[in-house]
Amino acid sequence: MQHPALLFRLLLEHTPMALVMLDVQDEVLWANAGFLGLLGTEEDDLVGKRLTDIMRMVSWRPVQREVEVHSEGHRWQRIWLASEGLEASRMVLMSEVIPEGAPAGVAKLMAFVDLPGGQAEEVPPFSDPHTGLASQWVFEDRLRHAIERADRHDQPLAVLLVRLDRADEVRHAYGEPAMQTLLAQVSRRLTGTLRGEDSIASLGGDRWAVLIEHPVSPESLQAAALRCIEAMEAPFTLGRPPLLLTLSIGIAIYPEDGTSSEQLMGRAGQALDQAFPAGHAFFDRGLKQMLSQRMAIRHRLQEALLCPDRHFVVVYQPQVDLATGGCVGVEALVRWRHPERGMLPPHEFLPMVVEMAQMVRLDRWVIEQVIAQHQRWQAAGVPLSGLKVSVNLDASLLEQSVFDGRPLDRFLRQHCSELGWLALEIDGQVLSSQADAHSLLLRRLSRMGVQLVVDNLGGAPVDLIRLAMLPVSEGKIGRELVHGLADSSPFARQALSALSQCLKALQLGSTMVGVETADELAAARNKGIDRVQGNLLGTPMASDALAAWLGNHPERRVPVQP
């Protein structure tokens, strides 16, 4: 590496300087002859195009003191530059400034100085010579491709910037050769801690970058950061006594924190600046507080799942037949009796139960409660015993190798011998994709008298023809499509009409959930939906309240005609 003073002298002596002016969208407004010559292109091929579409710039070592030169308030740094007009990538100096008093529309001015001395044809390093990890050049290329994939699949991704704490102290105490040995050891620990699909690169000096594509959530990213920090707990042996070291980690998430690789790396760097030694920080500082709150909820939920009878309750929401106006069934819904926040609906805690892989335990408890309640209705001889009771199941309950070795059909048979009143609702997209794996179990359930309902139609693409080959009896249209009826766009009504007609053609019953307004109820009637469910007709209620609700209107709950 060349000394900063020499780079500064090169900057002053080397002409011409390549200049390009950009707008707020990073589109080229103007470029001088030096910039055109640098890229080997014409002005007509540049103006009006995004700079990142024309060339690639990778700051291989952006954080090292030896690659930065300051001149008249401007920050210069080495970068690798590549474009279609260049035969090979080349190293240049680059500075970016926001010109004062610039004309309207001008957002920034970028300056480049080509470096002589045979560096123009060098190939950027693909791996770090000390750690063996991918270089930043490779990492940023991977990051760009990952962003393109994320855009196509509408998924997030994340960048973690990792810094070795007290690196300067260690370097001063042990020397540079020992430091390089230590960096290789840290790199091996990080590589062994991260998953095989995660990309890790050395940024030079005492930093690393990690690309995580899936799954990406604040919880999963925090868990990854904590694993990396915990990997440093064992002492390092550079001498005596053994050396204890820590890491700091900054986290940025695409697209919330940045929409380009440059923005994402910059935001992760800003988060790293806020991280304490042996700690981590998100660029969005609110995520840390949110995670703390979620961890408290998660702890409460773990306790609740160990004693569900004390913490959960089952409520029932009526399902009304539009032809007669009578209540023909109910859906059993679980509620969590939180000690501080009161009764919580499913959407506030079920996703966390899924993350904890405890849906089998909770769903089985709900089924046990429903069966016991139905038996009480039968023993009392009340009209409720004649209603169909639907239970929404997570797909994990269909797996043959559940934790206690009891498949769903055997579990049901051990609790009840007559199940013609029970309907199991399973997400349509999951059922469509796993139809072959679960077809035998579904047929066994059907032979037991259990009705199978395809849930959440209209929320995601499903193969209805494939589902019709399974022993299903009904399709349930989800809230996402129903709530779209309030929009002025005709898409939701057209989709509802198409779904209704398709279900009828397949000889499947139809139920529309989430009916909250008179317009949604009218749409259900007009599109030929068989049954409706929603707060407009009856809110979820306990068994005693449901008996009173049904007793007040034993035959007709809603008018047949609007």
Protein backbone atom coordinates (compact mmCIF):
# COMPACT_ATOMS: atom_id res chain seq x y z
CA MET A 1 0.00 0.00 0.00
CA GLN A 2 1.18 3.51 -0.76
CA HIS A 3 1.55 6.14 1.96
CA PRO A 4 -1.27 8.75 2.18
CA ALA A 5 1.22 11.55 1.45
CA LEU A 6 2.20 9.89 -1.82
CA LEU A 7 -1.45 9.41 -2.79
CA PHE A 8 -2.08 13.06 -1.99
CA ARG A 9 0.81 14.12 -4.24
CA LEU A 10 -0.52 11.89 -7.04
CA LEU A 11 -3.89 13.56 -6.64
CA LEU A 12 -2.38 17.02 -7.03
CA GLU A 13 -0.07 16.18 -9.91
CA HIS A 14 -2.23 13.88 -12.01
CA THR A 15 -4.56 15.49 -14.57
CA PRO A 16 -7.10 15.55 -15.98
CA MET A 17 -9.58 14.81 -13.22
CA ALA A 18 -12.69 12.82 -14.17
CA LEU A 19 -15.90 14.55 -13.04
CA VAL A 20 -19.55 13.50 -13.19
CA MET A 21 -22.62 15.35 -11.90
CA LEU A 22 -25.68 13.46 -10.64
CA ASP A 23 -29.26 14.26 -9.66
CA VAL A 24 -31.17 12.95 -6.64
CA GLN A 25 -31.91 9.70 -8.50
CA ASP A 26 -28.18 9.19 -9.17
CA GLU A 27 -28.79 9.80 -12.87
CA VAL A 28 -26.01 11.46 -14.86
CA LEU A 29 -26.60 15.13 -15.65
CA TRP A 30 -23.15 15.93 -17.05
CA ALA A 31 -19.72 14.36 -17.39
CA ASN A 32 -16.42 15.89 -18.46
CA ALA A 33 -13.99 14.53 -21.00
CA GLY A 34 -11.88 12.97 -18.27
CA PHE A 35 -14.79 10.86 -17.05
CA LEU A 36 -15.71 9.81 -20.60
CA GLY A 37 -12.12 8.81 -21.20
CA LEU A 38 -11.94 6.93 -17.91
CA LEU A 39 -14.90 4.76 -18.88
CA GLY A 40 -14.12 4.65 -22.60
CA THR A 41 -17.60 5.78 -23.63
CA GLU A 42 -19.53 8.66 -25.21
CA GLU A 43 -21.56 11.35 -23.43
CA ASP A 44 -24.79 10.26 -25.17
CA ASP A 45 -24.38 6.84 -23.58
CA LEU A 46 -24.25 8.33 -20.07
CA VAL A 47 -26.61 11.29 -19.68
CA GLY A 48 -29.97 10.33 -18.17
CA LYS A 49 -28.80 6.93 -16.94
CA ARG A 50 -28.19 5.84 -13.37
CA LEU A 51 -24.51 5.79 -12.55
CA THR A 52 -24.80 2.35 -10.94
CA ASP A 53 -26.17 1.01 -14.26
CA ILE A 54 -23.11 2.32 -16.09
CA MET A 55 -20.31 1.25 -13.81
CA ARG A 56 -19.59 -0.62 -10.61
CA MET A 57 -17.63 0.87 -7.76
CA VAL A 58 -16.37 -1.25 -4.89
CA SER A 59 -14.48 0.34 -2.02
CA TRP A 60 -12.41 -2.74 -1.18
CA ARG A 61 -10.98 -1.27 2.03
CA PRO A 62 -13.16 1.70 2.91
CA VAL A 63 -12.39 1.77 6.63
CA GLN A 64 -8.61 1.69 6.62
CA ARG A 65 -6.65 4.81 7.46
CA GLU A 66 -4.06 4.09 4.77
CA VAL A 67 -6.60 4.29 1.94
CA GLU A 68 -8.03 7.66 2.89
CA VAL A 69 -6.65 11.04 1.81
CA HIS A 70 -8.14 14.35 2.89
CA SER A 71 -7.73 17.44 0.73
CA GLU A 72 -9.54 20.73 1.22
CA GLY A 73 -12.30 19.04 3.21
CA HIS A 74 -12.83 16.24 0.67
CA ARG A 75 -12.42 12.57 1.53
CA TRP A 76 -10.64 10.48 -1.09
CA GLN A 77 -10.41 6.70 -1.05
CA ARG A 78 -9.28 3.85 -3.21
CA ILE A 79 -12.00 2.00 -5.08
CA TRP A 80 -12.12 -0.67 -7.73
CA LEU A 81 -14.02 0.46 -10.81
CA ALA A 82 -15.52 -1.65 -13.59
CA SER A 83 -17.71 -0.88 -16.62
CA GLU A 84 -18.48 -2.25 -20.07
CA GLY A 85 -16.06 0.28 -21.59
CA LEU A 86 -13.13 -1.05 -19.56
CA GLU A 87 -11.22 -4.16 -20.53
CA ALA A 88 -10.48 -4.92 -16.87
CA SER A 89 -11.32 -3.53 -13.47
CA ARG A 90 -8.97 -0.82 -12.23
CA MET A 91 -8.10 0.98 -9.04
CA VAL A 92 -8.83 4.73 -8.87
CA LEU A 93 -9.22 7.45 -6.26
CA MET A 94 -12.79 8.69 -5.75
CA SER A 95 -14.33 11.60 -3.87
CA GLU A 96 -18.00 12.54 -3.54
CA VAL A 97 -19.14 16.05 -2.59
CA ILE A 98 -22.38 18.01 -2.45
CA PRO A 99 -21.51 21.25 -4.24
CA GLU A 100 -22.55 24.45 -2.51
CA GLY A 101 -24.78 26.77 -4.51
CA ALA A 102 -25.34 24.09 -7.17
CA PRO A 103 -28.14 24.60 -9.72
CA ALA A 104 -31.53 23.08 -8.98
CA GLY A 105 -31.60 19.35 -9.57
CA VAL A 106 -27.89 18.77 -8.91
CA ALA A 107 -27.44 16.45 -5.94
CA LYS A 108 -23.77 15.51 -5.97
CA LEU A 109 -20.49 15.80 -7.82
CA MET A 110 -18.16 12.81 -8.04
CA ALA A 111 -14.48 13.09 -8.90
CA PHE A 112 -12.12 10.30 -9.96
CA VAL A 113 -8.35 10.22 -10.37
CA ASP A 114 -6.83 7.32 -12.27
CA LEU A 115 -3.81 5.78 -10.52
CA PRO A 116 -0.71 5.17 -12.66
CA GLY A 117 2.11 2.73 -12.10
CA GLY A 118 0.68 -0.48 -13.55
CA GLN A 119 -2.33 -0.71 -11.25
CA ALA A 120 -4.86 -0.03 -13.99
CA GLU A 121 -4.91 -3.61 -15.22
CA GLU A 122 -4.79 -5.35 -11.84
CA VAL A 123 -7.62 -7.68 -10.92
CA PRO A 124 -9.24 -6.95 -7.53
CA PRO A 125 -8.58 -9.61 -4.90
CA PHE A 126 -11.19 -12.33 -4.62
CA SER A 127 -10.07 -13.51 -1.20
CA ASP A 128 -8.33 -12.04 1.78
CA PRO A 129 -4.76 -13.38 1.94
CA HIS A 130 -4.74 -13.65 5.75
CA THR A 131 -8.17 -15.10 6.54
CA GLY A 132 -8.98 -16.94 3.30
CA LEU A 133 -12.46 -15.40 3.31
CA ALA A 134 -14.05 -13.71 0.31
CA SER A 135 -12.93 -10.12 -0.25
CA GLN A 136 -15.22 -7.11 -0.18
CA TRP A 137 -15.22 -7.11 -3.99
CA VAL A 138 -16.81 -10.56 -3.97
CA PHE A 139 -19.10 -9.69 -1.06
CA GLU A 140 -20.56 -6.60 -2.72
CA ASP A 141 -21.12 -8.58 -5.92
CA ARG A 142 -23.02 -11.19 -3.90
CA LEU A 143 -24.96 -8.44 -2.16
CA ARG A 144 -26.06 -6.88 -5.46
CA HIS A 145 -27.31 -10.24 -6.75
CA ALA A 146 -29.04 -10.92 -3.42
CA ILE A 147 -30.86 -7.58 -3.65
CA GLU A 148 -32.07 -8.51 -7.14
CA ARG A 149 -33.38 -11.84 -5.82
CA ALA A 150 -35.03 -10.09 -2.88
CA ASP A 151 -36.82 -7.74 -5.28
CA ARG A 152 -38.07 -10.61 -7.43
CA HIS A 153 -39.40 -12.59 -4.48
CA ASP A 154 -40.47 -9.58 -2.37
CA GLN A 155 -38.30 -10.73 0.54
CA PRO A 156 -35.97 -8.89 2.92
CA LEU A 157 -32.28 -9.49 3.49
CA ALA A 158 -29.76 -8.16 5.99
CA VAL A 159 -26.13 -7.11 6.28
CA LEU A 160 -24.16 -7.51 9.51
CA LEU A 161 -20.91 -5.58 9.90
CA VAL A 162 -18.68 -7.17 12.54
CA ARG A 163 -15.79 -5.39 14.28
CA LEU A 164 -13.14 -6.83 16.57
CA ASP A 165 -13.07 -4.77 19.78
CA ARG A 166 -9.76 -3.43 21.16
CA ALA A 167 -7.99 -4.41 17.93
CA ASP A 168 -5.51 -1.52 18.11
CA GLU A 169 -4.51 -2.47 21.67
CA VAL A 170 -3.93 -6.07 20.67
CA ARG A 171 -1.95 -5.06 17.59
CA HIS A 172 0.26 -2.77 19.65
CA ALA A 173 0.83 -5.38 22.37
CA TYR A 174 1.45 -8.44 20.17
CA GLY A 175 2.56 -7.06 16.81
CA GLU A 176 1.14 -7.30 13.30
CA PRO A 177 2.15 -10.95 12.55
CA ALA A 178 0.38 -12.16 15.69
CA MET A 179 -2.61 -9.98 14.82
CA GLN A 180 -2.94 -11.62 11.41
CA THR A 181 -2.92 -15.04 13.10
CA LEU A 182 -5.61 -13.83 15.48
CA LEU A 183 -7.81 -12.48 12.65
CA ALA A 184 -7.65 -15.88 10.96
CA GLN A 185 -8.77 -17.54 14.19
CA VAL A 186 -11.68 -15.12 14.58
CA SER A 187 -12.66 -15.72 10.94
CA ARG A 188 -12.76 -19.48 11.52
CA ARG A 189 -14.97 -19.05 14.57
CA LEU A 190 -17.40 -16.80 12.66
CA THR A 191 -17.51 -19.20 9.71
CA GLY A 192 -18.22 -22.11 12.03
CA THR A 193 -20.95 -20.19 13.82
CA LEU A 194 -22.88 -18.94 10.77
CA ARG A 195 -25.00 -21.15 8.54
CA GLY A 196 -23.61 -22.54 5.29
CA GLU A 197 -25.96 -20.36 3.22
CA ASP A 198 -24.82 -17.13 4.90
CA SER A 199 -22.05 -15.22 3.08
CA ILE A 200 -19.14 -13.88 5.11
CA ALA A 201 -16.30 -11.72 3.81
CA SER A 202 -13.25 -9.99 5.21
CA LEU A 203 -13.29 -6.22 4.80
CA GLY A 204 -9.63 -5.92 5.69
CA GLY A 205 -8.27 -4.71 8.99
CA ASP A 206 -10.46 -5.83 11.87
CA ARG A 207 -13.89 -6.06 10.22
CA TRP A 208 -16.09 -8.62 8.53
CA ALA A 209 -19.35 -8.46 6.62
CA VAL A 210 -22.12 -11.07 6.71
CA LEU A 211 -25.02 -11.38 4.24
CA ILE A 212 -28.16 -13.14 5.50
CA GLU A 213 -30.98 -13.75 3.01
CA HIS A 214 -33.47 -15.99 4.80
CA PRO A 215 -35.08 -16.15 7.18
CA VAL A 216 -34.83 -12.45 7.97
CA SER A 217 -36.63 -11.07 10.99
CA PRO A 218 -35.44 -8.91 13.88
CA GLU A 219 -35.48 -12.00 16.10
CA SER A 220 -33.46 -14.19 13.71
CA LEU A 221 -30.90 -11.43 13.09
CA GLN A 222 -30.49 -10.80 16.79
CA ALA A 223 -30.00 -14.53 17.31
CA ALA A 224 -27.31 -14.60 14.59
CA ALA A 225 -25.53 -11.61 16.14
CA LEU A 226 -25.63 -13.19 19.61
CA ARG A 227 -24.22 -16.47 18.25
CA CYS A 228 -21.29 -14.58 16.72
CA ILE A 229 -20.65 -12.74 19.97
CA GLU A 230 -20.88 -15.97 21.98
CA ALA A 231 -18.37 -17.62 19.63
CA MET A 232 -15.73 -15.32 21.12
CA GLU A 233 -16.21 -16.51 24.71
CA ALA A 234 -13.43 -19.10 24.57
CA PRO A 235 -10.01 -17.46 25.11
CA PHE A 236 -7.50 -17.02 22.29
CA THR A 237 -3.91 -18.20 22.69
CA LEU A 238 -1.48 -15.61 21.37
CA GLY A 239 0.65 -15.83 24.46
CA ARG A 240 0.20 -15.93 28.18
CA PRO A 241 -2.18 -15.25 29.77
CA PRO A 242 -4.89 -16.33 27.26
CA LEU A 243 -6.55 -13.43 25.49
CA LEU A 244 -10.27 -12.66 25.86
CA LEU A 245 -11.79 -10.73 22.96
CA THR A 246 -15.23 -9.46 21.99
CA LEU A 247 -17.07 -8.35 18.86
CA SER A 248 -19.42 -5.47 18.06
CA ILE A 249 -22.04 -5.88 15.34
CA GLY A 250 -24.13 -3.43 13.31
CA ILE A 251 -27.23 -4.63 11.46
CA ALA A 252 -29.09 -3.11 8.49
CA ILE A 253 -32.15 -4.62 6.78
CA TYR A 254 -33.15 -4.35 3.13
CA PRO A 255 -35.29 -2.60 1.97
CA GLU A 256 -36.25 -0.70 5.16
CA ASP A 257 -32.77 0.66 5.86
CA GLY A 258 -31.47 1.00 2.29
CA THR A 259 -32.36 0.08 -1.29
CA SER A 260 -28.88 -0.30 -2.73
CA SER A 261 -25.77 -2.17 -1.67
CA GLU A 262 -23.99 1.12 -0.93
CA GLN A 263 -26.83 2.37 1.28
CA LEU A 264 -27.13 -0.92 3.09
CA MET A 265 -23.42 -1.15 3.85
CA GLY A 266 -23.42 2.48 4.98
CA ARG A 267 -26.40 2.00 7.29
CA ALA A 268 -24.86 -1.14 8.77
CA GLY A 269 -21.73 0.91 9.42
CA GLN A 270 -23.78 3.59 11.18
CA ALA A 271 -25.38 0.89 13.33
CA LEU A 272 -21.93 -0.50 14.13
CA ASP A 273 -20.86 2.94 15.34
CA GLN A 274 -23.73 2.81 17.87
CA ALA A 275 -22.95 -0.70 19.12
CA PHE A 276 -21.22 -1.20 22.45
CA PRO A 277 -18.32 -3.67 22.85
CA ALA A 278 -19.66 -7.24 22.93
CA GLY A 279 -23.02 -5.88 21.73
CA HIS A 280 -25.08 -5.34 18.63
CA ALA A 281 -27.22 -2.52 17.27
CA PHE A 282 -29.78 -2.14 14.52
CA PHE A 283 -29.78 0.87 12.22
CA ASP A 284 -33.44 1.26 13.17
CA ARG A 285 -33.00 1.83 16.88
CA GLY A 286 -36.65 1.14 17.56
CA LEU A 287 -36.07 -2.52 16.68
CA LYS A 288 -33.96 -3.07 19.79
CA GLN A 289 -36.76 -1.83 22.04
CA MET A 290 -39.32 -3.83 20.10
CA LEU A 291 -37.19 -6.97 20.44
CA SER A 292 -36.89 -6.42 24.18
CA GLN A 293 -40.66 -6.23 24.45
CA ARG A 294 -41.08 -9.31 22.26
CA MET A 295 -38.60 -11.27 24.36
CA ALA A 296 -40.65 -10.47 27.44
CA ILE A 297 -43.81 -11.64 25.66
CA ARG A 298 -41.98 -14.75 24.44
CA HIS A 299 -40.99 -15.62 28.01
CA ARG A 300 -44.60 -15.21 29.18
CA LEU A 301 -45.80 -17.31 26.26
CA GLN A 302 -43.40 -20.14 27.07
CA GLU A 303 -44.80 -20.24 30.59
CA ALA A 304 -48.37 -20.19 29.26
CA LEU A 305 -47.75 -23.11 26.87
CA LEU A 306 -46.56 -25.26 29.78
CA CYS A 307 -49.91 -24.76 31.58
CA PRO A 308 -52.45 -23.99 28.80
CA ASP A 309 -55.51 -24.60 30.99
CA ARG A 310 -54.54 -21.61 33.13
CA HIS A 311 -53.62 -19.20 30.33
CA PHE A 312 -55.66 -19.95 27.20
CA VAL A 313 -59.39 -20.03 26.49
CA VAL A 314 -61.43 -21.18 23.51
CA VAL A 315 -64.18 -18.98 22.10
CA TYR A 316 -66.64 -19.67 19.29
CA GLN A 317 -67.75 -17.49 16.36
CA PRO A 318 -71.04 -18.29 14.56
CA GLN A 319 -71.19 -19.23 10.88
CA VAL A 320 -74.47 -18.25 9.22
CA ASP A 321 -76.11 -19.88 6.20
CA LEU A 322 -77.15 -17.13 3.76
CA ALA A 323 -79.98 -19.16 2.26
CA THR A 324 -81.84 -19.63 5.56
CA GLY A 325 -80.24 -17.08 7.86
CA GLY A 326 -79.67 -19.78 10.47
CA CYS A 327 -76.51 -20.56 12.38
CA VAL A 328 -75.11 -23.81 10.95
CA GLY A 329 -71.72 -23.93 12.61
CA VAL A 330 -69.09 -22.23 14.71
CA GLU A 331 -65.34 -21.78 14.47
CA ALA A 332 -63.29 -22.44 17.60
CA LEU A 333 -60.73 -19.70 18.20
CA VAL A 334 -58.02 -19.56 20.84
CA ARG A 335 -57.34 -16.53 23.04
CA TRP A 336 -54.41 -15.90 25.38
CA ARG A 337 -55.27 -14.44 28.78
CA HIS A 338 -52.18 -12.24 29.16
CA PRO A 339 -51.54 -11.15 32.77
CA GLU A 340 -51.01 -7.46 31.86
CA ARG A 341 -52.57 -6.94 28.44
CA GLY A 342 -55.74 -8.93 28.93
CA MET A 343 -57.30 -11.19 26.29
CA LEU A 344 -55.09 -11.32 23.17
CA PRO A 345 -56.39 -12.40 19.73
CA PRO A 346 -54.51 -15.09 17.74
CA HIS A 347 -52.60 -12.77 15.40
CA GLU A 348 -50.78 -11.22 18.38
CA PHE A 349 -49.20 -14.46 19.62
CA LEU A 350 -49.66 -17.34 17.14
CA PRO A 351 -46.75 -16.24 14.89
CA MET A 352 -44.50 -16.43 17.95
CA VAL A 353 -45.86 -19.89 18.81
CA VAL A 354 -44.94 -20.96 15.25
CA GLU A 355 -41.40 -19.58 15.71
CA MET A 356 -41.13 -21.56 18.93
CA ALA A 357 -42.28 -24.74 17.09
CA GLN A 358 -45.09 -25.24 19.62
CA MET A 359 -48.15 -25.14 17.35
CA VAL A 360 -48.66 -28.91 17.65
CA ARG A 361 -48.89 -28.58 21.42
CA LEU A 362 -51.31 -25.62 21.29
CA ASP A 363 -53.50 -27.00 18.49
CA ARG A 364 -53.87 -30.31 20.28
CA TRP A 365 -54.92 -28.50 23.44
CA VAL A 366 -57.55 -26.57 21.45
CA ILE A 367 -58.88 -29.77 19.90
CA GLU A 368 -59.10 -31.42 23.34
CA GLN A 369 -61.08 -28.43 24.65
CA VAL A 370 -63.43 -28.47 21.65
CA ILE A 371 -64.10 -32.19 21.97
CA ALA A 372 -64.75 -31.89 25.70
CA GLN A 373 -67.11 -28.93 25.11
CA HIS A 374 -69.02 -30.79 22.39
CA GLN A 375 -69.45 -33.75 24.70
CA ARG A 376 -70.90 -31.43 27.36
CA TRP A 377 -73.32 -29.99 24.79
CA GLN A 378 -74.39 -33.51 23.83
CA ALA A 379 -74.87 -34.54 27.45
CA ALA A 380 -77.02 -31.46 28.07
CA GLY A 381 -79.03 -32.02 24.90
CA VAL A 382 -78.70 -28.36 23.81
CA PRO A 383 -79.03 -27.22 20.15
CA LEU A 384 -75.32 -26.39 20.08
CA SER A 385 -74.55 -30.11 19.85
CA GLY A 386 -76.04 -30.13 16.35
CA LEU A 387 -73.64 -27.49 14.98
CA LYS A 388 -70.51 -28.17 12.97
CA VAL A 389 -67.42 -27.01 14.89
CA SER A 390 -64.40 -25.88 12.85
CA VAL A 391 -60.85 -25.80 14.19
CA ASN A 392 -58.01 -24.06 12.33
CA LEU A 393 -54.90 -26.25 12.24
CA ASP A 394 -51.26 -25.49 11.61
CA ALA A 395 -49.78 -27.76 8.93
CA SER A 396 -47.27 -29.14 11.44
CA LEU A 397 -50.10 -31.14 13.01
CA LEU A 398 -50.34 -33.20 9.80
CA GLU A 399 -46.79 -34.53 10.13
CA GLN A 400 -46.63 -38.23 10.85
CA SER A 401 -43.58 -37.99 13.12
CA VAL A 402 -44.84 -35.53 15.74
CA PHE A 403 -43.13 -35.28 19.12
CA ASP A 404 -45.12 -38.04 20.87
CA GLY A 405 -45.49 -40.38 17.88
CA ARG A 406 -49.28 -39.99 17.63
CA PRO A 407 -50.48 -39.00 14.14
CA LEU A 408 -53.51 -36.73 14.03
CA ASP A 409 -56.04 -39.45 13.20
CA ARG A 410 -54.91 -41.60 16.14
CA PHE A 411 -54.92 -38.59 18.46
CA LEU A 412 -58.54 -37.81 17.49
CA ARG A 413 -59.68 -41.41 17.79
CA GLN A 414 -58.31 -41.60 21.34
CA HIS A 415 -60.46 -38.62 22.35
CA CYS A 416 -63.72 -39.20 20.49
CA SER A 417 -65.32 -42.04 18.56
CA GLU A 418 -67.86 -39.99 16.56
CA LEU A 419 -66.39 -37.02 14.70
CA GLY A 420 -68.97 -36.16 12.04
CA TRP A 421 -69.49 -32.74 13.67
CA LEU A 422 -65.79 -31.73 13.47
CA ALA A 423 -64.24 -29.75 10.62
CA LEU A 424 -60.50 -29.12 10.33
CA GLU A 425 -59.38 -25.98 8.47
CA ILE A 426 -55.96 -26.08 6.79
CA ASP A 427 -54.26 -23.26 4.88
CA GLY A 428 -54.86 -23.71 1.16
CA GLN A 429 -51.36 -22.83 -0.01
CA VAL A 430 -49.75 -25.23 2.46
CA LEU A 431 -52.23 -27.98 1.66
CA SER A 432 -51.71 -27.50 -2.08
CA SER A 433 -47.93 -27.71 -1.82
CA GLN A 434 -47.97 -30.70 0.57
CA ALA A 435 -50.91 -32.61 -0.89
CA ASP A 436 -48.87 -35.68 -1.84
CA ALA A 437 -47.16 -35.90 1.55
CA HIS A 438 -50.42 -35.79 3.53
CA SER A 439 -52.98 -37.35 1.17
CA LEU A 440 -53.14 -40.68 3.04
CA LEU A 441 -53.66 -39.01 6.41
CA LEU A 442 -56.34 -36.73 4.97
CA ARG A 443 -58.21 -39.72 3.55
CA ARG A 444 -58.04 -41.52 6.89
CA LEU A 445 -59.48 -38.43 8.57
CA SER A 446 -62.27 -38.27 6.00
CA ARG A 447 -63.18 -41.93 6.59
CA MET A 448 -63.48 -41.07 10.30
CA GLY A 449 -66.17 -38.51 9.39
CA VAL A 450 -63.97 -35.42 9.85
CA GLN A 451 -64.73 -32.66 7.34
CA LEU A 452 -61.74 -30.97 5.70
CA VAL A 453 -61.84 -27.27 4.81
CA VAL A 454 -59.37 -25.39 2.60
CA ASP A 455 -58.66 -22.15 4.48
CA ASN A 456 -57.48 -18.67 3.44
CA LEU A 457 -58.45 -18.77 -0.21
CA GLY A 458 -57.75 -15.50 -1.99
CA GLY A 459 -54.70 -14.74 0.15
CA ALA A 460 -52.12 -16.62 -1.94
CA PRO A 461 -52.07 -18.71 -5.15
CA VAL A 462 -53.35 -22.26 -4.73
CA ASP A 463 -53.99 -25.17 -7.08
CA LEU A 464 -57.73 -25.71 -6.63
CA ILE A 465 -57.82 -28.61 -9.07
CA ARG A 466 -55.14 -30.36 -7.05
CA LEU A 467 -57.02 -29.64 -3.84
CA ALA A 468 -60.26 -30.99 -5.33
CA MET A 469 -58.55 -34.37 -5.68
CA LEU A 470 -58.26 -34.46 -1.89
CA PRO A 471 -61.25 -35.32 0.35
CA VAL A 472 -62.10 -31.67 1.07
CA SER A 473 -65.69 -30.48 1.37
CA GLU A 474 -65.42 -26.70 1.62
CA GLY A 475 -63.34 -23.66 0.75
CA LYS A 476 -62.99 -20.70 3.08
CA ILE A 477 -62.37 -17.23 1.62
CA GLY A 478 -59.94 -15.29 3.81
CA ARG A 479 -60.01 -11.81 5.31
CA GLU A 480 -57.42 -10.40 2.92
CA LEU A 481 -59.74 -10.70 -0.05
CA VAL A 482 -62.86 -9.79 1.92
CA HIS A 483 -61.39 -6.56 3.26
CA GLY A 484 -60.31 -5.67 -0.27
CA LEU A 485 -64.00 -5.31 -1.18
CA ALA A 486 -63.97 -1.88 0.44
CA ASP A 487 -61.52 -0.57 -2.20
CA SER A 488 -62.76 1.13 -5.33
CA SER A 489 -60.77 -1.32 -7.48
CA PRO A 490 -62.99 -4.06 -8.98
CA PHE A 491 -60.27 -6.69 -8.53
CA ALA A 492 -61.51 -7.99 -5.17
CA ARG A 493 -65.11 -8.40 -6.39
CA GLN A 494 -63.94 -10.11 -9.58
CA ALA A 495 -61.69 -12.43 -7.58
CA LEU A 496 -64.53 -13.22 -5.16
CA SER A 497 -66.87 -14.01 -8.04
CA ALA A 498 -64.28 -16.26 -9.71
CA LEU A 499 -63.56 -18.11 -6.47
CA SER A 500 -67.25 -18.64 -5.77
CA GLN A 501 -67.88 -20.02 -9.25
CA CYS A 502 -64.82 -22.24 -9.08
CA LEU A 503 -65.86 -23.71 -5.73
CA LYS A 504 -69.35 -24.42 -7.03
CA ALA A 505 -67.94 -26.08 -10.16
CA LEU A 506 -65.85 -28.34 -7.92
CA GLN A 507 -68.95 -29.05 -5.78
CA LEU A 508 -67.35 -27.51 -2.70
CA GLY A 509 -69.17 -25.39 -0.15
CA SER A 510 -68.02 -21.81 0.44
CA THR A 511 -67.64 -19.69 3.58
CA MET A 512 -66.54 -16.05 3.67
CA VAL A 513 -64.87 -14.87 6.88
CA GLY A 514 -64.12 -11.41 8.23
CA VAL A 515 -67.52 -9.95 7.31
CA GLU A 516 -67.56 -6.62 9.11
CA THR A 517 -69.85 -4.38 7.01
CA ALA A 518 -73.22 -4.52 5.28
CA ASP A 519 -71.47 -4.06 1.91
CA GLU A 520 -69.33 -7.15 2.50
CA LEU A 521 -72.43 -9.13 3.48
CA ALA A 522 -74.23 -7.94 0.35
CA ALA A 523 -71.23 -8.90 -1.80
CA ALA A 524 -71.28 -12.41 -0.32
CA ARG A 525 -74.94 -12.77 -1.25
CA ASN A 526 -74.48 -11.37 -4.74
CA LYS A 527 -71.55 -13.68 -5.49
CA GLY A 528 -73.37 -16.82 -4.35
CA ILE A 529 -71.38 -17.55 -1.18
CA ASP A 530 -73.01 -20.25 0.97
CA ARG A 531 -72.03 -19.14 4.49
CA VAL A 532 -70.57 -16.08 6.18
CA GLN A 533 -68.67 -15.45 9.40
CA GLY A 534 -67.68 -12.15 10.97
CA ASN A 535 -68.28 -9.64 13.73
CA LEU A 536 -71.22 -8.14 11.83
CA LEU A 537 -73.12 -11.37 12.48
CA GLY A 538 -71.65 -12.52 15.76
CA THR A 539 -68.41 -11.89 17.62
CA PRO A 540 -66.29 -14.73 19.08
CA MET A 541 -67.86 -15.67 22.42
CA ALA A 542 -67.59 -18.17 25.23
CA SER A 543 -69.78 -21.26 25.24
CA ASP A 544 -72.41 -19.81 27.62
CA ALA A 545 -72.69 -16.60 25.61
CA LEU A 546 -72.99 -18.63 22.41
CA ALA A 547 -75.88 -20.63 23.88
CA ALA A 548 -77.66 -17.39 24.79
CA TRP A 549 -76.96 -15.94 21.33
CA LEU A 550 -78.41 -19.01 19.65
CA GLY A 551 -81.35 -19.14 22.06
CA ASN A 552 -82.38 -15.58 21.24
CA HIS A 553 -82.47 -16.35 17.50
CA PRO A 554 -82.88 -20.12 17.15
CA GLU A 555 -83.87 -20.07 13.48
CA ARG A 556 -82.92 -16.81 11.78
CA ARG A 557 -79.98 -14.62 12.72
CA VAL A 558 -79.70 -12.39 9.60
CA PRO A 559 -82.31 -11.50 6.97
CA VAL A 560 -82.22 -13.53 3.78
CA GLN A 561 -82.67 -10.43 1.63
CA PRO A 562 -80.81 -7.14 2.10
